[in-house]
């Protein structure tokens, strides 16, 4: 048998084995897609995205404070899901909206919490 023929045979055998494994997973009720609310991995990813958004907004606010000496008058634009609820001379309150929850960040240097600031 030529090398090309052996390559095609091994490819066909691999595809057949993959098909058998896939069908056995479906037949046995294998891995079923879960809803995003139930998947810990999806929840973890959403939490990480919310934290990243809050950190980006905090950096924008820190730059504003460095330039103006206060958070008063600052705005947060271009950061999806983040709203500046309150800006005082030395503190601020961010609202971060995710697919599952509304979180708050009392800054500067705060952490996301479900408790309103």
C-alpha atoms as a PDB file:
ATOM      1  CA  UNK A   1       0.000   0.000   0.000  1.00  0.00           C
ATOM      2  CA  UNK A   2       1.334   3.444  -0.826  1.00  0.00           C
ATOM      3  CA  UNK A   3       1.911   6.158   1.744  1.00  0.00           C
ATOM      4  CA  UNK A   4      -0.996   8.249   0.367  1.00  0.00           C
ATOM      5  CA  UNK A   5      -3.323   5.262   0.684  1.00  0.00           C
ATOM      6  CA  UNK A   6      -2.222   4.692   4.280  1.00  0.00           C
ATOM      7  CA  UNK A   7      -2.866   8.361   5.092  1.00  0.00           C
ATOM      8  CA  UNK A   8      -6.396   8.191   3.729  1.00  0.00           C
ATOM      9  CA  UNK A   9      -7.139   4.959   5.606  1.00  0.00           C
ATOM     10  CA  UNK A  10      -5.901   6.415   8.901  1.00  0.00           C
ATOM     11  CA  UNK A  11      -8.007   9.546   8.311  1.00  0.00           C
ATOM     12  CA  UNK A  12     -11.145   7.472   7.678  1.00  0.00           C
ATOM     13  CA  UNK A  13     -10.483   5.331  10.771  1.00  0.00           C
ATOM     14  CA  UNK A  14      -9.998   8.472  12.881  1.00  0.00           C
ATOM     15  CA  UNK A  15     -13.255   9.983  11.633  1.00  0.00           C
ATOM     16  CA  UNK A  16     -15.156   6.746  12.306  1.00  0.00           C
ATOM     17  CA  UNK A  17     -13.773   6.554  15.859  1.00  0.00           C
ATOM     18  CA  UNK A  18     -14.643  10.210  16.489  1.00  0.00           C
ATOM     19  CA  UNK A  19     -18.174   9.581  15.197  1.00  0.00           C
ATOM     20  CA  UNK A  20     -18.595   6.567  17.472  1.00  0.00           C
ATOM     21  CA  UNK A  21     -17.391   8.494  20.514  1.00  0.00           C
ATOM     22  CA  UNK A  22     -19.640  11.447  19.673  1.00  0.00           C
ATOM     23  CA  UNK A  23     -22.719   9.275  19.140  1.00  0.00           C
ATOM     24  CA  UNK A  24     -22.054   7.381  22.382  1.00  0.00           C
ATOM     25  CA  UNK A  25     -22.040  10.691  24.259  1.00  0.00           C
ATOM     26  CA  UNK A  26     -25.356  11.705  22.694  1.00  0.00           C
ATOM     27  CA  UNK A  27     -26.960   8.308  23.209  1.00  0.00           C
ATOM     28  CA  UNK A  28     -25.941   8.116  26.858  1.00  0.00           C
ATOM     29  CA  UNK A  29     -27.145  11.634  27.511  1.00  0.00           C
ATOM     30  CA  UNK A  30     -23.533  12.786  27.716  1.00  0.00           C
ATOM     31  CA  UNK A  31     -22.628  16.405  28.011  1.00  0.00           C
ATOM     32  CA  UNK A  32     -25.771  18.420  27.517  1.00  0.00           C
ATOM     33  CA  UNK A  33     -25.524  22.143  26.998  1.00  0.00           C
ATOM     34  CA  UNK A  34     -26.420  23.899  30.190  1.00  0.00           C
ATOM     35  CA  UNK A  35     -27.967  27.298  30.507  1.00  0.00           C
ATOM     36  CA  UNK A  36     -25.571  30.172  31.216  1.00  0.00           C
ATOM     37  CA  UNK A  37     -27.165  30.666  34.634  1.00  0.00           C
ATOM     38  CA  UNK A  38     -26.155  27.167  35.675  1.00  0.00           C
ATOM     39  CA  UNK A  39     -22.656  27.056  34.260  1.00  0.00           C
ATOM     40  CA  UNK A  40     -20.018  28.063  36.824  1.00  0.00           C
ATOM     41  CA  UNK A  41     -17.575  28.729  34.005  1.00  0.00           C
ATOM     42  CA  UNK A  42     -19.926  31.237  32.359  1.00  0.00           C
ATOM     43  CA  UNK A  43     -20.607  32.912  35.723  1.00  0.00           C
ATOM     44  CA  UNK A  44     -16.864  33.152  36.352  1.00  0.00           C
ATOM     45  CA  UNK A  45     -16.311  34.703  32.924  1.00  0.00           C
ATOM     46  CA  UNK A  46     -19.090  37.251  33.481  1.00  0.00           C
ATOM     47  CA  UNK A  47     -17.638  38.162  36.871  1.00  0.00           C
ATOM     48  CA  UNK A  48     -14.178  38.629  35.356  1.00  0.00           C
ATOM     49  CA  UNK A  49     -15.634  40.808  32.581  1.00  0.00           C
ATOM     50  CA  UNK A  50     -17.513  42.966  35.110  1.00  0.00           C
ATOM     51  CA  UNK A  51     -14.339  43.389  37.175  1.00  0.00           C
ATOM     52  CA  UNK A  52     -12.373  44.379  34.061  1.00  0.00           C
ATOM     53  CA  UNK A  53     -15.036  46.922  33.098  1.00  0.00           C
ATOM     54  CA  UNK A  54     -15.016  48.420  36.608  1.00  0.00           C
ATOM     55  CA  UNK A  55     -11.205  48.629  36.576  1.00  0.00           C
ATOM     56  CA  UNK A  56     -11.272  50.405  33.211  1.00  0.00           C
ATOM     57  CA  UNK A  57     -13.789  52.924  34.546  1.00  0.00           C
ATOM     58  CA  UNK A  58     -11.669  53.420  37.686  1.00  0.00           C
ATOM     59  CA  UNK A  59      -8.614  54.177  35.510  1.00  0.00           C
ATOM     60  CA  UNK A  60     -10.603  56.774  33.562  1.00  0.00           C
ATOM     61  CA  UNK A  61     -11.780  58.366  36.809  1.00  0.00           C
ATOM     62  CA  UNK A  62      -8.261  58.326  38.276  1.00  0.00           C
ATOM     63  CA  UNK A  63      -6.977  60.143  35.201  1.00  0.00           C
ATOM     64  CA  UNK A  64      -9.770  62.701  35.546  1.00  0.00           C
ATOM     65  CA  UNK A  65      -8.950  63.240  39.219  1.00  0.00           C
ATOM     66  CA  UNK A  66      -5.238  63.591  38.482  1.00  0.00           C
ATOM     67  CA  UNK A  67      -6.003  66.305  35.955  1.00  0.00           C
ATOM     68  CA  UNK A  68      -8.753  68.129  37.903  1.00  0.00           C
ATOM     69  CA  UNK A  69      -8.042  67.328  41.556  1.00  0.00           C
ATOM     70  CA  UNK A  70     -11.577  65.971  42.063  1.00  0.00           C
ATOM     71  CA  UNK A  71     -14.019  63.395  40.749  1.00  0.00           C
ATOM     72  CA  UNK A  72     -16.789  66.009  40.575  1.00  0.00           C
ATOM     73  CA  UNK A  73     -17.776  66.565  36.960  1.00  0.00           C
ATOM     74  CA  UNK A  74     -16.263  63.298  35.747  1.00  0.00           C
ATOM     75  CA  UNK A  75     -18.095  61.068  33.289  1.00  0.00           C
ATOM     76  CA  UNK A  76     -17.570  57.469  32.263  1.00  0.00           C
ATOM     77  CA  UNK A  77     -18.082  56.874  28.549  1.00  0.00           C
ATOM     78  CA  UNK A  78     -17.042  54.022  26.344  1.00  0.00           C
ATOM     79  CA  UNK A  79     -17.161  51.385  29.091  1.00  0.00           C
ATOM     80  CA  UNK A  80     -20.010  48.988  28.390  1.00  0.00           C
ATOM     81  CA  UNK A  81     -22.360  48.315  31.290  1.00  0.00           C
ATOM     82  CA  UNK A  82     -20.776  50.883  33.640  1.00  0.00           C
ATOM     83  CA  UNK A  83     -22.603  53.959  34.926  1.00  0.00           C
ATOM     84  CA  UNK A  84     -21.187  56.617  37.229  1.00  0.00           C
ATOM     85  CA  UNK A  85     -23.893  57.061  39.875  1.00  0.00           C
ATOM     86  CA  UNK A  86     -22.147  59.589  42.085  1.00  0.00           C
ATOM     87  CA  UNK A  87     -18.936  61.625  41.915  1.00  0.00           C
ATOM     88  CA  UNK A  88     -17.739  63.511  44.986  1.00  0.00           C
ATOM     89  CA  UNK A  89     -14.421  65.313  45.526  1.00  0.00           C
ATOM     90  CA  UNK A  90     -12.581  62.186  46.773  1.00  0.00           C
ATOM     91  CA  UNK A  91     -14.953  59.262  46.112  1.00  0.00           C
ATOM     92  CA  UNK A  92     -17.289  57.893  43.484  1.00  0.00           C
ATOM     93  CA  UNK A  93     -19.871  55.139  43.017  1.00  0.00           C
ATOM     94  CA  UNK A  94     -20.048  52.976  39.898  1.00  0.00           C
ATOM     95  CA  UNK A  95     -22.896  50.720  38.836  1.00  0.00           C
ATOM     96  CA  UNK A  96     -21.798  47.723  36.771  1.00  0.00           C
ATOM     97  CA  UNK A  97     -24.553  45.830  34.970  1.00  0.00           C
ATOM     98  CA  UNK A  98     -23.950  42.227  33.899  1.00  0.00           C
ATOM     99  CA  UNK A  99     -26.252  39.692  32.274  1.00  0.00           C
ATOM    100  CA  UNK A 100     -27.164  38.314  35.711  1.00  0.00           C
ATOM    101  CA  UNK A 101     -26.783  41.120  38.225  1.00  0.00           C
ATOM    102  CA  UNK A 102     -26.251  44.756  39.024  1.00  0.00           C
ATOM    103  CA  UNK A 103     -23.082  45.369  41.029  1.00  0.00           C
ATOM    104  CA  UNK A 104     -21.619  48.473  42.645  1.00  0.00           C
ATOM    105  CA  UNK A 105     -18.083  49.729  43.135  1.00  0.00           C
ATOM    106  CA  UNK A 106     -17.381  52.358  45.794  1.00  0.00           C
ATOM    107  CA  UNK A 107     -14.129  53.895  44.715  1.00  0.00           C
ATOM    108  CA  UNK A 108     -11.414  54.573  44.431  1.00  0.00           C
ATOM    109  CA  UNK A 109     -10.002  51.130  45.115  1.00  0.00           C
ATOM    110  CA  UNK A 110     -13.324  49.460  45.854  1.00  0.00           C
ATOM    111  CA  UNK A 111     -14.409  45.989  44.909  1.00  0.00           C
ATOM    112  CA  UNK A 112     -17.603  44.918  43.188  1.00  0.00           C
ATOM    113  CA  UNK A 113     -20.474  44.229  45.553  1.00  0.00           C
ATOM    114  CA  UNK A 114     -24.204  43.697  45.310  1.00  0.00           C
ATOM    115  CA  UNK A 115     -24.622  46.347  48.023  1.00  0.00           C
ATOM    116  CA  UNK A 116     -25.382  49.785  46.633  1.00  0.00           C
ATOM    117  CA  UNK A 117     -22.836  52.462  47.502  1.00  0.00           C
END
